[in-house]
Protein backbone atom coordinates (compact mmCIF):
# COMPACT_ATOMS: atom_id res chain seq x y z
CA UNK A 1 25.92 5.41 34.44
CA UNK A 2 28.10 4.71 31.49
CA UNK A 3 28.99 6.57 28.36
CA UNK A 4 29.03 4.62 25.13
CA UNK A 5 29.93 5.25 21.50
CA UNK A 6 28.41 3.69 18.45
CA UNK A 7 29.45 4.03 14.83
CA UNK A 8 27.68 4.05 11.45
CA UNK A 9 29.92 3.80 8.41
CA UNK A 10 29.23 6.05 5.42
CA UNK A 11 29.23 3.23 2.90
CA UNK A 12 26.62 4.33 0.38
CA UNK A 13 27.64 7.92 -0.25
CA UNK A 14 24.00 8.98 0.15
CA UNK A 15 21.94 10.43 2.96
CA UNK A 16 20.73 6.88 3.81
CA UNK A 17 23.67 6.55 6.23
CA UNK A 18 22.55 9.72 8.06
CA UNK A 19 19.07 8.19 8.29
CA UNK A 20 20.60 4.98 9.63
CA UNK A 21 22.48 6.94 12.29
CA UNK A 22 19.28 8.80 13.24
CA UNK A 23 17.33 5.55 13.39
CA UNK A 24 19.99 3.98 15.65
CA UNK A 25 19.77 7.08 17.92
CA UNK A 26 15.95 6.72 18.08
CA UNK A 27 16.30 3.02 18.96
CA UNK A 28 18.88 3.73 21.68
CA UNK A 29 16.66 6.53 23.00
CA UNK A 30 13.74 4.11 23.30
CA UNK A 31 15.83 1.54 25.20
CA UNK A 32 17.57 3.83 27.58
CA UNK A 33 16.74 6.08 30.50
CA UNK A 34 15.05 9.34 29.58
CA UNK A 35 18.02 11.35 30.87
CA UNK A 36 20.38 9.87 28.32
CA UNK A 37 21.87 12.44 25.98
CA UNK A 38 22.53 11.22 22.44
CA UNK A 39 24.55 13.20 19.92
CA UNK A 40 25.37 12.35 16.30
CA UNK A 41 28.72 13.64 15.05
CA UNK A 42 29.83 13.58 11.43
CA UNK A 43 33.39 12.22 11.31
CA UNK A 44 33.96 12.28 7.52
CA UNK A 45 33.98 8.52 6.90
CA UNK A 46 31.47 7.56 9.61
CA UNK A 47 28.92 8.94 12.05
CA UNK A 48 29.71 8.72 15.76
CA UNK A 49 26.86 8.41 18.23
CA UNK A 50 27.83 9.49 21.75
CA UNK A 51 25.42 8.35 24.43
CA UNK A 52 26.01 10.02 27.83
CA UNK A 53 24.36 8.90 31.03
CA UNK A 54 23.25 5.66 29.45
CA UNK A 55 21.22 3.35 31.65
CA UNK A 56 19.11 0.66 30.18
CA UNK A 57 15.56 1.10 31.33
CA UNK A 58 12.82 -1.44 31.55
CA UNK A 59 12.12 -2.18 27.93
CA UNK A 60 8.66 -1.10 26.95
CA UNK A 61 6.94 -0.82 23.64
CA UNK A 62 7.70 2.28 21.66
CA UNK A 63 7.01 3.37 18.07
CA UNK A 64 10.24 3.62 16.12
CA UNK A 65 8.31 4.85 13.05
CA UNK A 66 4.99 6.67 12.87
CA UNK A 67 1.93 4.76 11.75
CA UNK A 68 0.56 5.83 8.34
CA UNK A 69 -3.15 6.57 8.80
CA UNK A 70 -5.28 6.16 5.69
CA UNK A 71 -8.76 7.55 5.01
CA UNK A 72 -11.38 6.02 7.35
CA UNK A 73 -8.69 4.10 9.25
CA UNK A 74 -10.37 3.17 12.54
CA UNK A 75 -7.33 1.21 13.88
CA UNK A 76 -5.71 4.45 15.00
CA UNK A 77 -8.69 5.33 17.20
CA UNK A 78 -9.37 1.75 18.38
CA UNK A 79 -5.76 1.05 19.44
CA UNK A 80 -5.08 4.56 20.73
CA UNK A 81 -2.07 5.07 18.43
CA UNK A 82 -0.66 8.52 19.07
CA UNK A 83 2.38 8.52 16.79
CA UNK A 84 0.86 8.62 13.31
CA UNK A 85 0.88 10.60 10.07
CA UNK A 86 -2.57 11.33 8.62
CA UNK A 87 -2.06 10.76 4.89
CA UNK A 88 -5.30 12.60 3.95
CA UNK A 89 -4.27 15.62 6.02
CA UNK A 90 -0.81 15.61 4.40
CA UNK A 91 -2.40 15.37 0.91
CA UNK A 92 -4.59 18.42 1.75
CA UNK A 93 -1.53 20.30 3.01
CA UNK A 94 0.36 19.53 -0.21
CA UNK A 95 -2.65 20.62 -2.33
CA UNK A 96 -2.95 23.91 -0.42
CA UNK A 97 0.75 24.58 -0.99
CA UNK A 98 0.48 23.76 -4.71
CA UNK A 99 -2.61 26.03 -5.01
CA UNK A 100 -0.61 28.83 -3.30
CA UNK A 101 2.28 28.36 -5.71
CA UNK A 102 -0.11 28.46 -8.73
CA UNK A 103 -1.80 31.59 -7.32
CA UNK A 104 1.60 33.32 -6.91
CA UNK A 105 2.51 32.43 -10.50
CA UNK A 106 -0.72 34.02 -11.76
CA UNK A 107 -0.08 37.10 -9.66
CA UNK A 108 3.47 37.44 -10.98
CA UNK A 109 2.16 37.14 -14.56
CA UNK A 110 -0.36 39.93 -13.88
CA UNK A 111 2.35 42.16 -12.41
CA UNK A 112 4.65 41.70 -15.42
CA UNK A 113 2.10 43.62 -17.52
CA UNK A 114 2.13 46.66 -15.23
CA UNK A 115 4.21 49.76 -16.20
CA UNK A 116 6.29 49.59 -12.97
CA UNK A 117 6.65 45.81 -13.07
CA UNK A 118 10.30 45.62 -12.07
CA UNK A 119 9.71 47.46 -8.79
CA UNK A 120 6.68 45.40 -7.86
CA UNK A 121 8.41 42.10 -8.74
CA UNK A 122 11.45 43.15 -6.68
CA UNK A 123 9.14 43.81 -3.70
CA UNK A 124 7.43 40.42 -4.13
CA UNK A 125 10.81 38.65 -4.25
CA UNK A 126 11.84 40.33 -0.98
CA UNK A 127 8.74 38.93 0.76
CA UNK A 128 9.42 35.35 -0.44
């Protein structure tokens, strides 16, 4: 068992370097023994990945990124893909959230016309 360190420079000044560090950690996780512990540490100018108890395992196929399932996509079922994002389901979730936000805006507008509007709005703000 060996401990290793890997580094990802913060070159872009955006969160893309954090995503790069996360992606590298996922890749290492897929290639190593399940007991390996990977930590990502922010070191100002770079990210440091510490891998403890690193043993390379027999390399097997693993999904680094989830499959994007479209409407009527039979490939997910046929190939038995487990790691996927259902785009239709995500769209429905987004629409439900947007409907909720619209409903709350309408409710707030109704409350503003009430005589004790400030107290009711303060109560609504506490809940959100």
